[in-house]
């Protein structure tokens, strides 16, 4: 999809329609507000259910002398860790544990070993929620504008036409990491905490990586550590790229209110309770974007409330695909 030339400008509409839409979104917010409360026990359970098996698989990887078998343990550990990295999205909104600095420290502890600049991501993600569908500076915008598409060279145009092959399988985690640092620097004047977060992330990542390599050298495990970082970059990067693209691909279009813009520029994915648990409520991405204070376990209920209110006012259904496989098909 190409973003229209007007970018984030909302089309002029009947003022009465705008007022009606604002009253409707206020009614939705009032109805879902009781769902804002975080279940800390469930949050810690989600962290431990993912973290402990991942660490056990990682331990087996370093203990296994046969490289082929070790790789199987590494892939298992990495896939589990992918869901932990998705949990850092909840942590960035303080909707997983609601425990202040302790929760944010956990986000750093989970992210720095794989060189993910968590604090920078957190600050940029807040900007993404503010800018999505409305401001072309959105650091997580995937759709090129008409001007960007016209000026792009052949390789970039190919990437615009085939985002799955370019971002998910090609650039992967490396693109995500570099883009966080790039947008953190570029938008540092937009968010008061960006510059400080950038510096802390850089120092934290360098320190943790230095400690990891010092341990690997002392144990004769440098090759396995490098292999681990490569596999993590490939697999976690692919999962995170695909997830983000499915949630927003082809939906950039401002609406009459901020909430309606978020609801209709974010895509829901039909998923059962287990997938919703692993994905941190992100299958209900429309409601998360409009009301990010809702914890992941209450998002299915919030979606039902919003859908009923929208239908009552004659609004279209929220963007939706029947599965993550169907969502991936959108990217081809």
C-alpha atoms as a PDB file:
ATOM      1  CA  UNK A   1       0.000   0.000   0.000  1.00  0.00           C
ATOM      2  CA  UNK A   2       1.097   3.582  -0.702  1.00  0.00           C
ATOM      3  CA  UNK A   3       0.240   6.239   1.891  1.00  0.00           C
ATOM      4  CA  UNK A   4      -1.771   9.033   0.207  1.00  0.00           C
ATOM      5  CA  UNK A   5       0.013  12.318  -0.412  1.00  0.00           C
ATOM      6  CA  UNK A   6      -1.851  14.067   2.401  1.00  0.00           C
ATOM      7  CA  UNK A   7      -0.068  11.818   4.914  1.00  0.00           C
ATOM      8  CA  UNK A   8      -1.620  12.223   8.304  1.00  0.00           C
ATOM      9  CA  UNK A   9      -4.167  14.910   7.500  1.00  0.00           C
ATOM     10  CA  UNK A  10      -7.695  13.932   8.431  1.00  0.00           C
ATOM     11  CA  UNK A  11     -10.140  14.533   5.607  1.00  0.00           C
ATOM     12  CA  UNK A  12     -12.648  17.307   6.197  1.00  0.00           C
ATOM     13  CA  UNK A  13     -15.944  15.828   7.389  1.00  0.00           C
ATOM     14  CA  UNK A  14     -19.262  17.045   8.651  1.00  0.00           C
ATOM     15  CA  UNK A  15     -18.669  18.521  12.163  1.00  0.00           C
ATOM     16  CA  UNK A  16     -21.805  16.753  13.372  1.00  0.00           C
ATOM     17  CA  UNK A  17     -20.339  13.420  12.287  1.00  0.00           C
ATOM     18  CA  UNK A  18     -17.138  14.187  14.146  1.00  0.00           C
ATOM     19  CA  UNK A  19     -19.044  14.993  17.317  1.00  0.00           C
ATOM     20  CA  UNK A  20     -21.055  11.776  16.984  1.00  0.00           C
ATOM     21  CA  UNK A  21     -17.892   9.736  16.483  1.00  0.00           C
ATOM     22  CA  UNK A  22     -16.240  11.354  19.480  1.00  0.00           C
ATOM     23  CA  UNK A  23     -19.239  10.564  21.700  1.00  0.00           C
ATOM     24  CA  UNK A  24     -19.168   6.983  20.440  1.00  0.00           C
ATOM     25  CA  UNK A  25     -15.453   6.492  21.197  1.00  0.00           C
ATOM     26  CA  UNK A  26     -15.929   8.086  24.618  1.00  0.00           C
ATOM     27  CA  UNK A  27     -18.686   5.554  25.266  1.00  0.00           C
ATOM     28  CA  UNK A  28     -16.359   2.707  24.263  1.00  0.00           C
ATOM     29  CA  UNK A  29     -13.631   4.018  26.571  1.00  0.00           C
ATOM     30  CA  UNK A  30     -16.061   4.296  29.453  1.00  0.00           C
ATOM     31  CA  UNK A  31     -17.220   0.713  28.858  1.00  0.00           C
ATOM     32  CA  UNK A  32     -13.700  -0.757  28.741  1.00  0.00           C
ATOM     33  CA  UNK A  33     -12.218   1.320  31.577  1.00  0.00           C
ATOM     34  CA  UNK A  34     -13.000  -1.344  34.231  1.00  0.00           C
ATOM     35  CA  UNK A  35     -10.701  -3.692  32.255  1.00  0.00           C
ATOM     36  CA  UNK A  36      -7.580  -1.547  32.815  1.00  0.00           C
ATOM     37  CA  UNK A  37      -6.578  -3.387  36.011  1.00  0.00           C
ATOM     38  CA  UNK A  38      -3.399  -5.506  35.727  1.00  0.00           C
ATOM     39  CA  UNK A  39      -3.305  -9.071  37.076  1.00  0.00           C
ATOM     40  CA  UNK A  40       0.276  -9.222  38.414  1.00  0.00           C
ATOM     41  CA  UNK A  41       0.134 -12.926  39.231  1.00  0.00           C
ATOM     42  CA  UNK A  42      -0.867 -13.781  35.679  1.00  0.00           C
ATOM     43  CA  UNK A  43       1.883 -11.516  34.368  1.00  0.00           C
ATOM     44  CA  UNK A  44       4.592 -13.224  36.428  1.00  0.00           C
ATOM     45  CA  UNK A  45       3.198 -16.607  35.408  1.00  0.00           C
ATOM     46  CA  UNK A  46       3.536 -15.661  31.744  1.00  0.00           C
ATOM     47  CA  UNK A  47       7.145 -14.549  32.254  1.00  0.00           C
ATOM     48  CA  UNK A  48       8.158 -17.693  34.147  1.00  0.00           C
ATOM     49  CA  UNK A  49       6.310 -20.107  31.825  1.00  0.00           C
ATOM     50  CA  UNK A  50       8.329 -18.707  28.927  1.00  0.00           C
ATOM     51  CA  UNK A  51      11.631 -17.857  30.634  1.00  0.00           C
ATOM     52  CA  UNK A  52      12.360 -21.058  32.570  1.00  0.00           C
ATOM     53  CA  UNK A  53      11.915 -23.499  29.655  1.00  0.00           C
ATOM     54  CA  UNK A  54      13.878 -21.142  27.399  1.00  0.00           C
ATOM     55  CA  UNK A  55      16.789 -21.074  29.874  1.00  0.00           C
ATOM     56  CA  UNK A  56      16.614 -24.870  30.255  1.00  0.00           C
ATOM     57  CA  UNK A  57      16.839 -25.321  26.482  1.00  0.00           C
ATOM     58  CA  UNK A  58      19.702 -22.834  26.346  1.00  0.00           C
ATOM     59  CA  UNK A  59      21.568 -24.739  29.062  1.00  0.00           C
ATOM     60  CA  UNK A  60      21.117 -27.955  27.068  1.00  0.00           C
ATOM     61  CA  UNK A  61      22.459 -26.143  23.996  1.00  0.00           C
ATOM     62  CA  UNK A  62      25.709 -25.264  25.751  1.00  0.00           C
ATOM     63  CA  UNK A  63      26.015 -28.726  27.322  1.00  0.00           C
ATOM     64  CA  UNK A  64      25.370 -30.724  24.122  1.00  0.00           C
ATOM     65  CA  UNK A  65      28.653 -31.671  22.365  1.00  0.00           C
ATOM     66  CA  UNK A  66      26.940 -32.646  19.104  1.00  0.00           C
ATOM     67  CA  UNK A  67      26.435 -29.415  17.155  1.00  0.00           C
ATOM     68  CA  UNK A  68      23.436 -30.728  15.225  1.00  0.00           C
ATOM     69  CA  UNK A  69      21.560 -31.680  18.393  1.00  0.00           C
ATOM     70  CA  UNK A  70      22.721 -28.482  20.077  1.00  0.00           C
ATOM     71  CA  UNK A  71      21.140 -26.477  17.269  1.00  0.00           C
ATOM     72  CA  UNK A  72      17.774 -28.103  17.973  1.00  0.00           C
ATOM     73  CA  UNK A  73      17.997 -26.998  21.612  1.00  0.00           C
ATOM     74  CA  UNK A  74      18.989 -23.501  20.460  1.00  0.00           C
ATOM     75  CA  UNK A  75      16.038 -23.179  18.089  1.00  0.00           C
ATOM     76  CA  UNK A  76      13.657 -24.300  20.856  1.00  0.00           C
ATOM     77  CA  UNK A  77      15.182 -21.783  23.291  1.00  0.00           C
ATOM     78  CA  UNK A  78      14.992 -19.017  20.690  1.00  0.00           C
ATOM     79  CA  UNK A  79      11.363 -19.625  19.767  1.00  0.00           C
ATOM     80  CA  UNK A  80      10.377 -19.479  23.436  1.00  0.00           C
ATOM     81  CA  UNK A  81      12.453 -16.320  23.792  1.00  0.00           C
ATOM     82  CA  UNK A  82      10.557 -14.765  20.882  1.00  0.00           C
ATOM     83  CA  UNK A  83       7.421 -14.831  23.022  1.00  0.00           C
ATOM     84  CA  UNK A  84       9.381 -13.306  25.910  1.00  0.00           C
ATOM     85  CA  UNK A  85      10.394 -10.450  23.631  1.00  0.00           C
ATOM     86  CA  UNK A  86       6.729  -9.977  22.796  1.00  0.00           C
ATOM     87  CA  UNK A  87       6.150  -9.776  26.562  1.00  0.00           C
ATOM     88  CA  UNK A  88       8.519  -6.789  26.670  1.00  0.00           C
ATOM     89  CA  UNK A  89       5.874  -4.988  24.607  1.00  0.00           C
ATOM     90  CA  UNK A  90       3.469  -5.410  27.545  1.00  0.00           C
ATOM     91  CA  UNK A  91       6.265  -4.314  29.891  1.00  0.00           C
ATOM     92  CA  UNK A  92       6.762  -1.130  27.849  1.00  0.00           C
ATOM     93  CA  UNK A  93       3.111  -0.254  28.561  1.00  0.00           C
ATOM     94  CA  UNK A  94       3.382  -1.368  32.220  1.00  0.00           C
ATOM     95  CA  UNK A  95       0.450  -3.724  31.575  1.00  0.00           C
ATOM     96  CA  UNK A  96       2.220  -7.008  32.367  1.00  0.00           C
ATOM     97  CA  UNK A  97       3.223  -6.501  36.011  1.00  0.00           C
ATOM     98  CA  UNK A  98       2.461  -2.836  36.818  1.00  0.00           C
ATOM     99  CA  UNK A  99       5.517  -2.707  39.090  1.00  0.00           C
ATOM    100  CA  UNK A 100       7.237   0.503  38.057  1.00  0.00           C
ATOM    101  CA  UNK A 101      11.013   0.508  37.782  1.00  0.00           C
ATOM    102  CA  UNK A 102      11.210  -3.215  38.590  1.00  0.00           C
ATOM    103  CA  UNK A 103       9.120  -4.008  35.521  1.00  0.00           C
ATOM    104  CA  UNK A 104      11.198  -1.712  33.309  1.00  0.00           C
ATOM    105  CA  UNK A 105      14.399  -3.243  34.696  1.00  0.00           C
ATOM    106  CA  UNK A 106      13.067  -6.650  33.669  1.00  0.00           C
ATOM    107  CA  UNK A 107      12.519  -5.296  30.158  1.00  0.00           C
ATOM    108  CA  UNK A 108      16.186  -4.263  29.983  1.00  0.00           C
ATOM    109  CA  UNK A 109      17.367  -7.588  31.465  1.00  0.00           C
ATOM    110  CA  UNK A 110      15.441  -9.546  28.833  1.00  0.00           C
ATOM    111  CA  UNK A 111      16.511  -7.319  25.941  1.00  0.00           C
ATOM    112  CA  UNK A 112      20.162  -6.356  26.365  1.00  0.00           C
ATOM    113  CA  UNK A 113      21.569  -9.912  26.046  1.00  0.00           C
ATOM    114  CA  UNK A 114      20.286 -10.010  22.456  1.00  0.00           C
ATOM    115  CA  UNK A 115      21.323  -6.372  21.776  1.00  0.00           C
ATOM    116  CA  UNK A 116      17.738  -5.054  21.742  1.00  0.00           C
ATOM    117  CA  UNK A 117      17.654  -1.384  22.903  1.00  0.00           C
ATOM    118  CA  UNK A 118      14.609  -1.762  25.122  1.00  0.00           C
ATOM    119  CA  UNK A 119      14.437   1.751  26.592  1.00  0.00           C
ATOM    120  CA  UNK A 120      14.749   3.329  23.151  1.00  0.00           C
ATOM    121  CA  UNK A 121      12.082   0.979  21.840  1.00  0.00           C
ATOM    122  CA  UNK A 122       9.795   1.841  24.747  1.00  0.00           C
ATOM    123  CA  UNK A 123      10.037   5.572  24.099  1.00  0.00           C
ATOM    124  CA  UNK A 124       9.675   5.182  20.337  1.00  0.00           C
ATOM    125  CA  UNK A 125       6.714   2.869  20.811  1.00  0.00           C
ATOM    126  CA  UNK A 126       4.925   5.563  22.782  1.00  0.00           C
ATOM    127  CA  UNK A 127       5.469   7.859  19.793  1.00  0.00           C
ATOM    128  CA  UNK A 128       4.139   5.128  17.505  1.00  0.00           C
ATOM    129  CA  UNK A 129       0.896   5.030  19.497  1.00  0.00           C
ATOM    130  CA  UNK A 130       0.646   8.799  19.250  1.00  0.00           C
ATOM    131  CA  UNK A 131       1.502   9.002  15.528  1.00  0.00           C
ATOM    132  CA  UNK A 132       0.086   5.825  13.984  1.00  0.00           C
ATOM    133  CA  UNK A 133      -2.122   6.709  11.021  1.00  0.00           C
ATOM    134  CA  UNK A 134      -1.729  10.429  11.711  1.00  0.00           C
ATOM    135  CA  UNK A 135       1.900  11.548  11.548  1.00  0.00           C
ATOM    136  CA  UNK A 136       4.380  10.406   8.889  1.00  0.00           C
ATOM    137  CA  UNK A 137       7.215  10.551  11.449  1.00  0.00           C
ATOM    138  CA  UNK A 138       5.775   7.420  13.096  1.00  0.00           C
ATOM    139  CA  UNK A 139       8.906   5.314  13.816  1.00  0.00           C
ATOM    140  CA  UNK A 140       7.008   2.069  13.173  1.00  0.00           C
ATOM    141  CA  UNK A 141       5.326   3.149   9.924  1.00  0.00           C
ATOM    142  CA  UNK A 142       5.762   0.500   7.232  1.00  0.00           C
ATOM    143  CA  UNK A 143       3.909   2.090   4.301  1.00  0.00           C
ATOM    144  CA  UNK A 144       5.837   4.421   1.952  1.00  0.00           C
ATOM    145  CA  UNK A 145       4.316   7.710   0.895  1.00  0.00           C
ATOM    146  CA  UNK A 146       3.770   8.461  -2.792  1.00  0.00           C
ATOM    147  CA  UNK A 147       6.830  10.730  -2.701  1.00  0.00           C
ATOM    148  CA  UNK A 148       8.995   8.093  -1.003  1.00  0.00           C
ATOM    149  CA  UNK A 149       7.898   5.450  -3.500  1.00  0.00           C
ATOM    150  CA  UNK A 150       8.619   7.763  -6.441  1.00  0.00           C
ATOM    151  CA  UNK A 151      12.115   8.644  -5.204  1.00  0.00           C
ATOM    152  CA  UNK A 152      13.079   5.091  -4.220  1.00  0.00           C
ATOM    153  CA  UNK A 153      15.705   3.237  -6.196  1.00  0.00           C
ATOM    154  CA  UNK A 154      15.061  -0.183  -7.771  1.00  0.00           C
ATOM    155  CA  UNK A 155      16.081  -2.183  -4.690  1.00  0.00           C
ATOM    156  CA  UNK A 156      13.949  -0.133  -2.322  1.00  0.00           C
ATOM    157  CA  UNK A 157      10.972  -0.298  -4.684  1.00  0.00           C
ATOM    158  CA  UNK A 158      11.394  -4.070  -4.762  1.00  0.00           C
ATOM    159  CA  UNK A 159      11.373  -4.034  -0.957  1.00  0.00           C
ATOM    160  CA  UNK A 160       8.180  -1.939  -0.907  1.00  0.00           C
ATOM    161  CA  UNK A 161       6.472  -4.451  -3.235  1.00  0.00           C
ATOM    162  CA  UNK A 162       7.671  -7.537  -1.346  1.00  0.00           C
ATOM    163  CA  UNK A 163       7.903  -6.620   2.358  1.00  0.00           C
ATOM    164  CA  UNK A 164       7.882 -10.223   3.570  1.00  0.00           C
ATOM    165  CA  UNK A 165      11.007 -11.238   1.674  1.00  0.00           C
ATOM    166  CA  UNK A 166      12.784  -7.966   2.378  1.00  0.00           C
ATOM    167  CA  UNK A 167      12.098  -7.430   6.070  1.00  0.00           C
ATOM    168  CA  UNK A 168      11.004 -10.761   7.540  1.00  0.00           C
ATOM    169  CA  UNK A 169      13.448 -13.102   5.802  1.00  0.00           C
ATOM    170  CA  UNK A 170      16.094 -10.643   4.650  1.00  0.00           C
ATOM    171  CA  UNK A 171      16.839  -7.821   7.063  1.00  0.00           C
ATOM    172  CA  UNK A 172      15.241  -9.422  10.137  1.00  0.00           C
ATOM    173  CA  UNK A 173      16.377  -8.442  13.601  1.00  0.00           C
ATOM    174  CA  UNK A 174      19.332  -6.387  12.413  1.00  0.00           C
ATOM    175  CA  UNK A 175      17.007  -3.928  10.695  1.00  0.00           C
ATOM    176  CA  UNK A 176      14.867  -3.641  13.833  1.00  0.00           C
ATOM    177  CA  UNK A 177      17.855  -2.950  16.077  1.00  0.00           C
ATOM    178  CA  UNK A 178      19.449  -0.399  13.741  1.00  0.00           C
ATOM    179  CA  UNK A 179      16.125   1.326  13.097  1.00  0.00           C
ATOM    180  CA  UNK A 180      15.594   1.776  16.843  1.00  0.00           C
ATOM    181  CA  UNK A 181      18.950   3.537  17.183  1.00  0.00           C
ATOM    182  CA  UNK A 182      18.349   5.567  14.004  1.00  0.00           C
ATOM    183  CA  UNK A 183      14.876   6.774  14.975  1.00  0.00           C
ATOM    184  CA  UNK A 184      15.976   7.288  18.566  1.00  0.00           C
ATOM    185  CA  UNK A 185      18.622   9.715  17.331  1.00  0.00           C
ATOM    186  CA  UNK A 186      16.414  11.277  14.649  1.00  0.00           C
ATOM    187  CA  UNK A 187      13.451  11.896  16.979  1.00  0.00           C
ATOM    188  CA  UNK A 188      15.403  12.646  20.170  1.00  0.00           C
ATOM    189  CA  UNK A 189      13.897  16.145  20.352  1.00  0.00           C
ATOM    190  CA  UNK A 190      10.349  14.718  20.092  1.00  0.00           C
ATOM    191  CA  UNK A 191      10.461  12.716  23.320  1.00  0.00           C
ATOM    192  CA  UNK A 192      12.248  13.992  26.417  1.00  0.00           C
ATOM    193  CA  UNK A 193      13.511  10.536  27.432  1.00  0.00           C
ATOM    194  CA  UNK A 194      14.832   9.355  24.075  1.00  0.00           C
ATOM    195  CA  UNK A 195      18.379  10.681  24.374  1.00  0.00           C
ATOM    196  CA  UNK A 196      18.859   9.330  27.905  1.00  0.00           C
ATOM    197  CA  UNK A 197      17.355   5.974  26.909  1.00  0.00           C
ATOM    198  CA  UNK A 198      19.668   5.741  23.914  1.00  0.00           C
ATOM    199  CA  UNK A 199      22.760   6.227  26.059  1.00  0.00           C
ATOM    200  CA  UNK A 200      21.629   3.777  28.742  1.00  0.00           C
ATOM    201  CA  UNK A 201      20.762   1.163  26.122  1.00  0.00           C
ATOM    202  CA  UNK A 202      24.101   1.515  24.373  1.00  0.00           C
ATOM    203  CA  UNK A 203      26.056   1.216  27.608  1.00  0.00           C
ATOM    204  CA  UNK A 204      23.896  -1.638  28.866  1.00  0.00           C
ATOM    205  CA  UNK A 205      24.178  -3.623  25.639  1.00  0.00           C
ATOM    206  CA  UNK A 206      27.953  -3.141  25.443  1.00  0.00           C
ATOM    207  CA  UNK A 207      28.401  -4.175  29.082  1.00  0.00           C
ATOM    208  CA  UNK A 208      26.203  -7.272  28.812  1.00  0.00           C
ATOM    209  CA  UNK A 209      27.806  -8.350  25.529  1.00  0.00           C
ATOM    210  CA  UNK A 210      31.285  -7.874  27.022  1.00  0.00           C
ATOM    211  CA  UNK A 211      30.316 -10.070  29.996  1.00  0.00           C
ATOM    212  CA  UNK A 212      28.847 -12.730  27.707  1.00  0.00           C
ATOM    213  CA  UNK A 213      31.979 -12.882  25.573  1.00  0.00           C
ATOM    214  CA  UNK A 214      34.234 -12.889  28.638  1.00  0.00           C
ATOM    215  CA  UNK A 215      32.302 -15.906  29.945  1.00  0.00           C
ATOM    216  CA  UNK A 216      32.386 -17.603  26.520  1.00  0.00           C
ATOM    217  CA  UNK A 217      36.148 -17.131  26.223  1.00  0.00           C
ATOM    218  CA  UNK A 218      36.724 -18.534  29.710  1.00  0.00           C
ATOM    219  CA  UNK A 219      34.574 -21.585  28.929  1.00  0.00           C
ATOM    220  CA  UNK A 220      35.726 -22.139  25.360  1.00  0.00           C
ATOM    221  CA  UNK A 221      32.203 -21.414  24.068  1.00  0.00           C
ATOM    222  CA  UNK A 222      32.839 -18.448  21.750  1.00  0.00           C
ATOM    223  CA  UNK A 223      31.637 -20.305  18.637  1.00  0.00           C
ATOM    224  CA  UNK A 224      28.403 -21.314  20.347  1.00  0.00           C
ATOM    225  CA  UNK A 225      27.820 -17.786  21.633  1.00  0.00           C
ATOM    226  CA  UNK A 226      28.273 -16.298  18.163  1.00  0.00           C
ATOM    227  CA  UNK A 227      25.997 -18.977  16.691  1.00  0.00           C
ATOM    228  CA  UNK A 228      23.400 -18.211  19.370  1.00  0.00           C
ATOM    229  CA  UNK A 229      23.421 -14.493  18.534  1.00  0.00           C
ATOM    230  CA  UNK A 230      23.034 -15.236  14.816  1.00  0.00           C
ATOM    231  CA  UNK A 231      20.124 -17.649  15.336  1.00  0.00           C
ATOM    232  CA  UNK A 232      18.419 -15.217  17.732  1.00  0.00           C
ATOM    233  CA  UNK A 233      18.795 -12.381  15.222  1.00  0.00           C
ATOM    234  CA  UNK A 234      17.295 -14.528  12.457  1.00  0.00           C
ATOM    235  CA  UNK A 235      14.409 -16.170  14.319  1.00  0.00           C
ATOM    236  CA  UNK A 236      13.394 -13.486  16.816  1.00  0.00           C
ATOM    237  CA  UNK A 237      13.839 -10.835  14.140  1.00  0.00           C
ATOM    238  CA  UNK A 238      11.606 -12.727  11.713  1.00  0.00           C
ATOM    239  CA  UNK A 239       8.885 -13.234  14.334  1.00  0.00           C
ATOM    240  CA  UNK A 240       8.918  -9.587  15.402  1.00  0.00           C
ATOM    241  CA  UNK A 241       9.004  -8.284  11.838  1.00  0.00           C
ATOM    242  CA  UNK A 242       6.121 -10.496  10.720  1.00  0.00           C
ATOM    243  CA  UNK A 243       4.013  -9.670  13.759  1.00  0.00           C
ATOM    244  CA  UNK A 244       4.386  -5.916  13.354  1.00  0.00           C
ATOM    245  CA  UNK A 245       3.703  -5.996   9.629  1.00  0.00           C
ATOM    246  CA  UNK A 246       0.595  -8.174   9.920  1.00  0.00           C
ATOM    247  CA  UNK A 247      -0.829  -5.806  12.533  1.00  0.00           C
ATOM    248  CA  UNK A 248      -0.556  -2.683  10.363  1.00  0.00           C
ATOM    249  CA  UNK A 249       0.165  -3.579   6.723  1.00  0.00           C
ATOM    250  CA  UNK A 250      -1.989  -1.626   4.284  1.00  0.00           C
ATOM    251  CA  UNK A 251      -4.088   0.192   6.879  1.00  0.00           C
ATOM    252  CA  UNK A 252      -2.670   3.733   7.053  1.00  0.00           C
ATOM    253  CA  UNK A 253      -5.733   5.995   6.936  1.00  0.00           C
ATOM    254  CA  UNK A 254      -6.654   8.742   9.440  1.00  0.00           C
ATOM    255  CA  UNK A 255     -10.230   8.897  10.728  1.00  0.00           C
ATOM    256  CA  UNK A 256     -12.413  11.437  12.514  1.00  0.00           C
ATOM    257  CA  UNK A 257     -11.069  10.791  16.031  1.00  0.00           C
ATOM    258  CA  UNK A 258      -7.799   9.536  17.464  1.00  0.00           C
ATOM    259  CA  UNK A 259      -9.464   6.376  18.786  1.00  0.00           C
ATOM    260  CA  UNK A 260     -11.148   5.504  15.474  1.00  0.00           C
ATOM    261  CA  UNK A 261      -7.850   6.083  13.672  1.00  0.00           C
ATOM    262  CA  UNK A 262      -6.157   3.590  15.970  1.00  0.00           C
ATOM    263  CA  UNK A 263      -9.008   1.085  15.745  1.00  0.00           C
ATOM    264  CA  UNK A 264      -9.043   1.074  11.954  1.00  0.00           C
ATOM    265  CA  UNK A 265      -5.298   1.340  11.269  1.00  0.00           C
ATOM    266  CA  UNK A 266      -4.588  -1.795  13.339  1.00  0.00           C
ATOM    267  CA  UNK A 267      -5.516  -5.345  12.386  1.00  0.00           C
ATOM    268  CA  UNK A 268      -6.966  -8.068  14.618  1.00  0.00           C
ATOM    269  CA  UNK A 269      -6.087 -11.739  14.170  1.00  0.00           C
ATOM    270  CA  UNK A 270      -8.524 -14.499  15.095  1.00  0.00           C
ATOM    271  CA  UNK A 271      -6.753 -16.553  17.775  1.00  0.00           C
ATOM    272  CA  UNK A 272      -7.603 -18.808  20.690  1.00  0.00           C
ATOM    273  CA  UNK A 273      -6.695 -18.288  24.378  1.00  0.00           C
ATOM    274  CA  UNK A 274      -3.279 -20.007  24.110  1.00  0.00           C
ATOM    275  CA  UNK A 275      -2.153 -17.876  21.160  1.00  0.00           C
ATOM    276  CA  UNK A 276      -3.492 -14.747  22.883  1.00  0.00           C
ATOM    277  CA  UNK A 277      -1.454 -15.719  25.977  1.00  0.00           C
ATOM    278  CA  UNK A 278       1.741 -16.256  23.983  1.00  0.00           C
ATOM    279  CA  UNK A 279       1.234 -13.135  21.853  1.00  0.00           C
ATOM    280  CA  UNK A 280       0.334 -10.898  24.777  1.00  0.00           C
ATOM    281  CA  UNK A 281      -3.113  -9.915  23.517  1.00  0.00           C
ATOM    282  CA  UNK A 282      -1.705  -8.597  20.236  1.00  0.00           C
ATOM    283  CA  UNK A 283      -4.240 -10.572  18.179  1.00  0.00           C
ATOM    284  CA  UNK A 284      -6.634  -7.864  19.454  1.00  0.00           C
ATOM    285  CA  UNK A 285      -4.374  -5.130  18.142  1.00  0.00           C
ATOM    286  CA  UNK A 286      -7.081  -2.613  17.283  1.00  0.00           C
ATOM    287  CA  UNK A 287      -8.232  -2.362  20.893  1.00  0.00           C
ATOM    288  CA  UNK A 288      -4.667  -2.330  22.176  1.00  0.00           C
ATOM    289  CA  UNK A 289      -3.842   0.625  19.940  1.00  0.00           C
ATOM    290  CA  UNK A 290      -6.882   2.642  20.899  1.00  0.00           C
ATOM    291  CA  UNK A 291      -6.708   1.837  24.634  1.00  0.00           C
ATOM    292  CA  UNK A 292      -3.138   0.681  25.442  1.00  0.00           C
ATOM    293  CA  UNK A 293      -3.788   0.558  29.209  1.00  0.00           C
ATOM    294  CA  UNK A 294      -5.854  -2.617  28.808  1.00  0.00           C
ATOM    295  CA  UNK A 295      -3.760  -5.671  29.850  1.00  0.00           C
ATOM    296  CA  UNK A 296      -3.442  -8.514  27.379  1.00  0.00           C
ATOM    297  CA  UNK A 297      -5.798 -10.920  29.189  1.00  0.00           C
ATOM    298  CA  UNK A 298      -8.705  -8.432  29.046  1.00  0.00           C
ATOM    299  CA  UNK A 299      -8.295  -7.422  25.396  1.00  0.00           C
ATOM    300  CA  UNK A 300     -10.632 -10.146  24.017  1.00  0.00           C
ATOM    301  CA  UNK A 301     -13.420  -8.824  26.262  1.00  0.00           C
ATOM    302  CA  UNK A 302     -12.630  -5.244  25.244  1.00  0.00           C
ATOM    303  CA  UNK A 303     -12.776  -6.202  21.556  1.00  0.00           C
ATOM    304  CA  UNK A 304     -16.270  -7.636  21.983  1.00  0.00           C
ATOM    305  CA  UNK A 305     -17.443  -4.447  23.714  1.00  0.00           C
ATOM    306  CA  UNK A 306     -15.995  -2.188  21.014  1.00  0.00           C
ATOM    307  CA  UNK A 307     -17.301  -4.308  18.134  1.00  0.00           C
ATOM    308  CA  UNK A 308     -20.825  -4.205  19.572  1.00  0.00           C
ATOM    309  CA  UNK A 309     -20.705  -0.415  20.019  1.00  0.00           C
ATOM    310  CA  UNK A 310     -19.345   0.142  16.514  1.00  0.00           C
ATOM    311  CA  UNK A 311     -22.033  -2.098  15.008  1.00  0.00           C
ATOM    312  CA  UNK A 312     -24.718  -0.257  16.980  1.00  0.00           C
ATOM    313  CA  UNK A 313     -23.600   2.981  15.297  1.00  0.00           C
ATOM    314  CA  UNK A 314     -23.443   1.438  11.829  1.00  0.00           C
ATOM    315  CA  UNK A 315     -19.623   1.472  11.639  1.00  0.00           C
ATOM    316  CA  UNK A 316     -17.680  -1.131   9.660  1.00  0.00           C
ATOM    317  CA  UNK A 317     -16.196  -4.134  11.418  1.00  0.00           C
ATOM    318  CA  UNK A 318     -12.599  -3.788  12.627  1.00  0.00           C
ATOM    319  CA  UNK A 319      -9.864  -4.991  10.235  1.00  0.00           C
ATOM    320  CA  UNK A 320      -9.372  -8.720  10.774  1.00  0.00           C
ATOM    321  CA  UNK A 321      -7.736 -11.834   9.376  1.00  0.00           C
ATOM    322  CA  UNK A 322      -8.666 -15.401  10.253  1.00  0.00           C
ATOM    323  CA  UNK A 323      -5.213 -16.513  11.398  1.00  0.00           C
ATOM    324  CA  UNK A 324      -1.539 -15.517  11.465  1.00  0.00           C
ATOM    325  CA  UNK A 325      -1.054 -17.650   8.339  1.00  0.00           C
ATOM    326  CA  UNK A 326      -3.685 -15.569   6.565  1.00  0.00           C
ATOM    327  CA  UNK A 327      -1.958 -12.449   7.853  1.00  0.00           C
ATOM    328  CA  UNK A 328       1.368 -13.612   6.405  1.00  0.00           C
ATOM    329  CA  UNK A 329      -0.352 -14.106   3.043  1.00  0.00           C
ATOM    330  CA  UNK A 330      -1.114 -10.347   3.018  1.00  0.00           C
ATOM    331  CA  UNK A 331       2.630  -9.646   2.909  1.00  0.00           C
ATOM    332  CA  UNK A 332       3.336 -11.665  -0.259  1.00  0.00           C
END
